[in-house]
């Protein structure tokens, strides 16, 4: 047996854009430790992708 879901009706009390608005979380802005972790992760990802690109280039050069 399947159950029919009732049609979704948007709330008339709040506008649709209010539901999409993300409220800031207290204590996250300016968190130096978090920013340092993110920055380190981004640098790691960039260096990893550069190494992958170099490996692809050397593989293509030896395929000739």
C-alpha atoms as a PDB file:
ATOM      1  CA  UNK A   1       0.000   0.000   0.000  1.00  0.00           C
ATOM      2  CA  UNK A   2       1.258   3.424  -0.845  1.00  0.00           C
ATOM      3  CA  UNK A   3       0.272   6.570   0.920  1.00  0.00           C
ATOM      4  CA  UNK A   4      -0.285   9.764  -0.983  1.00  0.00           C
ATOM      5  CA  UNK A   5       1.626  12.696   0.404  1.00  0.00           C
ATOM      6  CA  UNK A   6      -0.445  15.820   0.913  1.00  0.00           C
ATOM      7  CA  UNK A   7       0.471  18.679  -1.422  1.00  0.00           C
ATOM      8  CA  UNK A   8       3.023  21.056   0.052  1.00  0.00           C
ATOM      9  CA  UNK A   9       1.594  24.497   0.612  1.00  0.00           C
ATOM     10  CA  UNK A  10       4.002  27.312   1.418  1.00  0.00           C
ATOM     11  CA  UNK A  11       3.380  29.117   4.652  1.00  0.00           C
ATOM     12  CA  UNK A  12       1.639  32.438   4.241  1.00  0.00           C
ATOM     13  CA  UNK A  13       3.091  33.777   7.498  1.00  0.00           C
ATOM     14  CA  UNK A  14       6.723  33.929   6.334  1.00  0.00           C
ATOM     15  CA  UNK A  15       8.004  34.855   2.871  1.00  0.00           C
ATOM     16  CA  UNK A  16       9.819  32.173   0.901  1.00  0.00           C
ATOM     17  CA  UNK A  17      13.128  34.024   0.998  1.00  0.00           C
ATOM     18  CA  UNK A  18      13.132  34.025   4.795  1.00  0.00           C
ATOM     19  CA  UNK A  19      13.350  30.227   4.787  1.00  0.00           C
ATOM     20  CA  UNK A  20      16.499  30.353   2.670  1.00  0.00           C
ATOM     21  CA  UNK A  21      18.240  32.986   4.744  1.00  0.00           C
ATOM     22  CA  UNK A  22      21.003  31.493   6.862  1.00  0.00           C
ATOM     23  CA  UNK A  23      21.406  33.073  10.238  1.00  0.00           C
ATOM     24  CA  UNK A  24      24.912  33.524  11.506  1.00  0.00           C
ATOM     25  CA  UNK A  25      26.133  31.114  14.133  1.00  0.00           C
ATOM     26  CA  UNK A  26      27.520  32.808  17.198  1.00  0.00           C
ATOM     27  CA  UNK A  27      31.237  32.317  17.695  1.00  0.00           C
ATOM     28  CA  UNK A  28      32.207  31.187  14.195  1.00  0.00           C
ATOM     29  CA  UNK A  29      33.192  34.480  12.644  1.00  0.00           C
ATOM     30  CA  UNK A  30      36.773  35.340  13.455  1.00  0.00           C
ATOM     31  CA  UNK A  31      37.579  31.902  14.868  1.00  0.00           C
ATOM     32  CA  UNK A  32      41.323  31.883  14.235  1.00  0.00           C
ATOM     33  CA  UNK A  33      41.821  28.155  14.836  1.00  0.00           C
ATOM     34  CA  UNK A  34      39.059  27.238  12.394  1.00  0.00           C
ATOM     35  CA  UNK A  35      40.381  29.638   9.782  1.00  0.00           C
ATOM     36  CA  UNK A  36      43.869  28.177  10.166  1.00  0.00           C
ATOM     37  CA  UNK A  37      42.548  24.635   9.683  1.00  0.00           C
ATOM     38  CA  UNK A  38      40.614  25.627   6.582  1.00  0.00           C
ATOM     39  CA  UNK A  39      43.594  27.486   5.143  1.00  0.00           C
ATOM     40  CA  UNK A  40      45.877  24.493   5.754  1.00  0.00           C
ATOM     41  CA  UNK A  41      43.362  22.144   4.145  1.00  0.00           C
ATOM     42  CA  UNK A  42      43.071  24.376   1.081  1.00  0.00           C
ATOM     43  CA  UNK A  43      46.848  24.573   0.700  1.00  0.00           C
ATOM     44  CA  UNK A  44      47.059  20.790   0.992  1.00  0.00           C
ATOM     45  CA  UNK A  45      44.381  20.313  -1.647  1.00  0.00           C
ATOM     46  CA  UNK A  46      46.096  22.723  -4.028  1.00  0.00           C
ATOM     47  CA  UNK A  47      49.472  21.007  -3.664  1.00  0.00           C
ATOM     48  CA  UNK A  48      47.827  17.596  -4.118  1.00  0.00           C
ATOM     49  CA  UNK A  49      46.151  18.726  -7.340  1.00  0.00           C
ATOM     50  CA  UNK A  50      49.393  20.239  -8.621  1.00  0.00           C
ATOM     51  CA  UNK A  51      51.163  16.934  -7.971  1.00  0.00           C
ATOM     52  CA  UNK A  52      48.403  15.078  -9.821  1.00  0.00           C
ATOM     53  CA  UNK A  53      48.701  17.466 -12.773  1.00  0.00           C
ATOM     54  CA  UNK A  54      52.486  16.986 -12.866  1.00  0.00           C
ATOM     55  CA  UNK A  55      52.014  13.207 -12.814  1.00  0.00           C
ATOM     56  CA  UNK A  56      49.539  13.422 -15.705  1.00  0.00           C
ATOM     57  CA  UNK A  57      51.937  15.584 -17.697  1.00  0.00           C
ATOM     58  CA  UNK A  58      54.820  13.147 -17.235  1.00  0.00           C
ATOM     59  CA  UNK A  59      52.587  10.201 -18.158  1.00  0.00           C
ATOM     60  CA  UNK A  60      51.457  11.931 -21.353  1.00  0.00           C
ATOM     61  CA  UNK A  61      55.046  12.834 -22.237  1.00  0.00           C
ATOM     62  CA  UNK A  62      56.200   9.204 -21.933  1.00  0.00           C
ATOM     63  CA  UNK A  63      53.255   7.891 -23.999  1.00  0.00           C
ATOM     64  CA  UNK A  64      54.644   9.468 -27.201  1.00  0.00           C
END
